[in-house]
Amino acid sequence: MPVVIVEWWEGRTVGQKKEVIEGITEVLTRVGIPPEATHVIIKDNPKTNWGTGGKQCAENSLSKD
């Protein structure tokens, strides 16, 4: 039973999340894992909770979605 955890910045739509879940499940199905055995967890993180290069991503102009 694989568990795939996707962590990214908040802001994706329900439809985008659905597409990611379906895509990950499809890839694992191709290597023999039944779809019902695959679990995908999406964690939406605000940019204020993420830092890169010593700066909070909410402030960092280099941080793009």
Protein backbone atom coordinates (compact mmCIF):
# COMPACT_ATOMS: atom_id res chain seq x y z
CA MET A 1 0.00 0.00 0.00
CA PRO A 2 1.92 3.06 -1.17
CA VAL A 3 1.24 6.40 0.47
CA VAL A 4 2.30 9.40 -1.62
CA ILE A 5 2.46 12.76 0.16
CA VAL A 6 2.44 15.92 -1.94
CA GLU A 7 3.39 19.12 -0.11
CA TRP A 8 3.04 22.39 -1.94
CA TRP A 9 1.88 25.94 -1.51
CA GLU A 10 -1.82 26.44 -1.06
CA GLY A 11 -3.85 27.83 -3.93
CA ARG A 12 -4.61 24.88 -6.22
CA THR A 13 -8.20 24.18 -7.14
CA VAL A 14 -10.14 21.06 -6.24
CA GLY A 15 -9.95 20.10 -9.92
CA GLN A 16 -6.16 20.43 -10.00
CA LYS A 17 -5.84 18.29 -6.88
CA LYS A 18 -8.12 15.66 -8.41
CA GLU A 19 -5.95 15.60 -11.53
CA VAL A 20 -2.78 15.11 -9.47
CA ILE A 21 -4.35 12.29 -7.45
CA GLU A 22 -5.54 10.55 -10.62
CA GLY A 23 -2.15 10.97 -12.30
CA ILE A 24 -0.16 9.57 -9.39
CA THR A 25 -2.55 6.65 -9.11
CA GLU A 26 -2.26 5.97 -12.85
CA VAL A 27 1.55 5.89 -12.72
CA LEU A 28 1.56 3.44 -9.83
CA THR A 29 -1.04 1.29 -11.59
CA ARG A 30 1.37 0.96 -14.54
CA VAL A 31 3.89 -0.71 -12.24
CA GLY A 32 1.35 -3.19 -10.91
CA ILE A 33 -0.17 -1.49 -7.89
CA PRO A 34 -3.98 -1.67 -7.83
CA PRO A 35 -5.65 1.76 -7.72
CA GLU A 36 -7.49 0.94 -4.50
CA ALA A 37 -4.14 0.32 -2.77
CA THR A 38 -2.76 3.77 -3.55
CA HIS A 39 -3.23 6.60 -1.08
CA VAL A 40 -2.41 10.20 -1.99
CA ILE A 41 -2.29 12.88 0.69
CA ILE A 42 -2.08 16.53 -0.36
CA LYS A 43 -0.83 19.04 2.17
CA ASP A 44 -1.48 22.67 1.30
CA ASN A 45 1.00 24.95 3.01
CA PRO A 46 0.73 28.72 3.20
CA LYS A 47 3.84 30.53 1.95
CA THR A 48 4.18 32.00 5.45
CA ASN A 49 4.97 28.47 6.71
CA TRP A 50 7.69 27.80 4.13
CA GLY A 51 11.16 29.26 3.86
CA THR A 52 13.83 29.16 1.19
CA GLY A 53 17.25 30.76 1.26
CA GLY A 54 16.73 32.06 4.77
CA LYS A 55 13.58 33.95 3.83
CA GLN A 56 9.92 33.28 4.25
CA CYS A 57 8.51 32.38 0.83
CA ALA A 58 5.65 34.83 1.29
CA GLU A 59 8.29 37.60 1.16
CA ASN A 60 10.63 36.06 -1.37
CA SER A 61 10.01 37.48 -4.85
CA LEU A 62 11.86 34.50 -6.37
CA SER A 63 9.27 32.04 -5.03
CA LYS A 64 6.74 31.24 -7.71
CA ASP A 65 3.96 28.66 -7.65
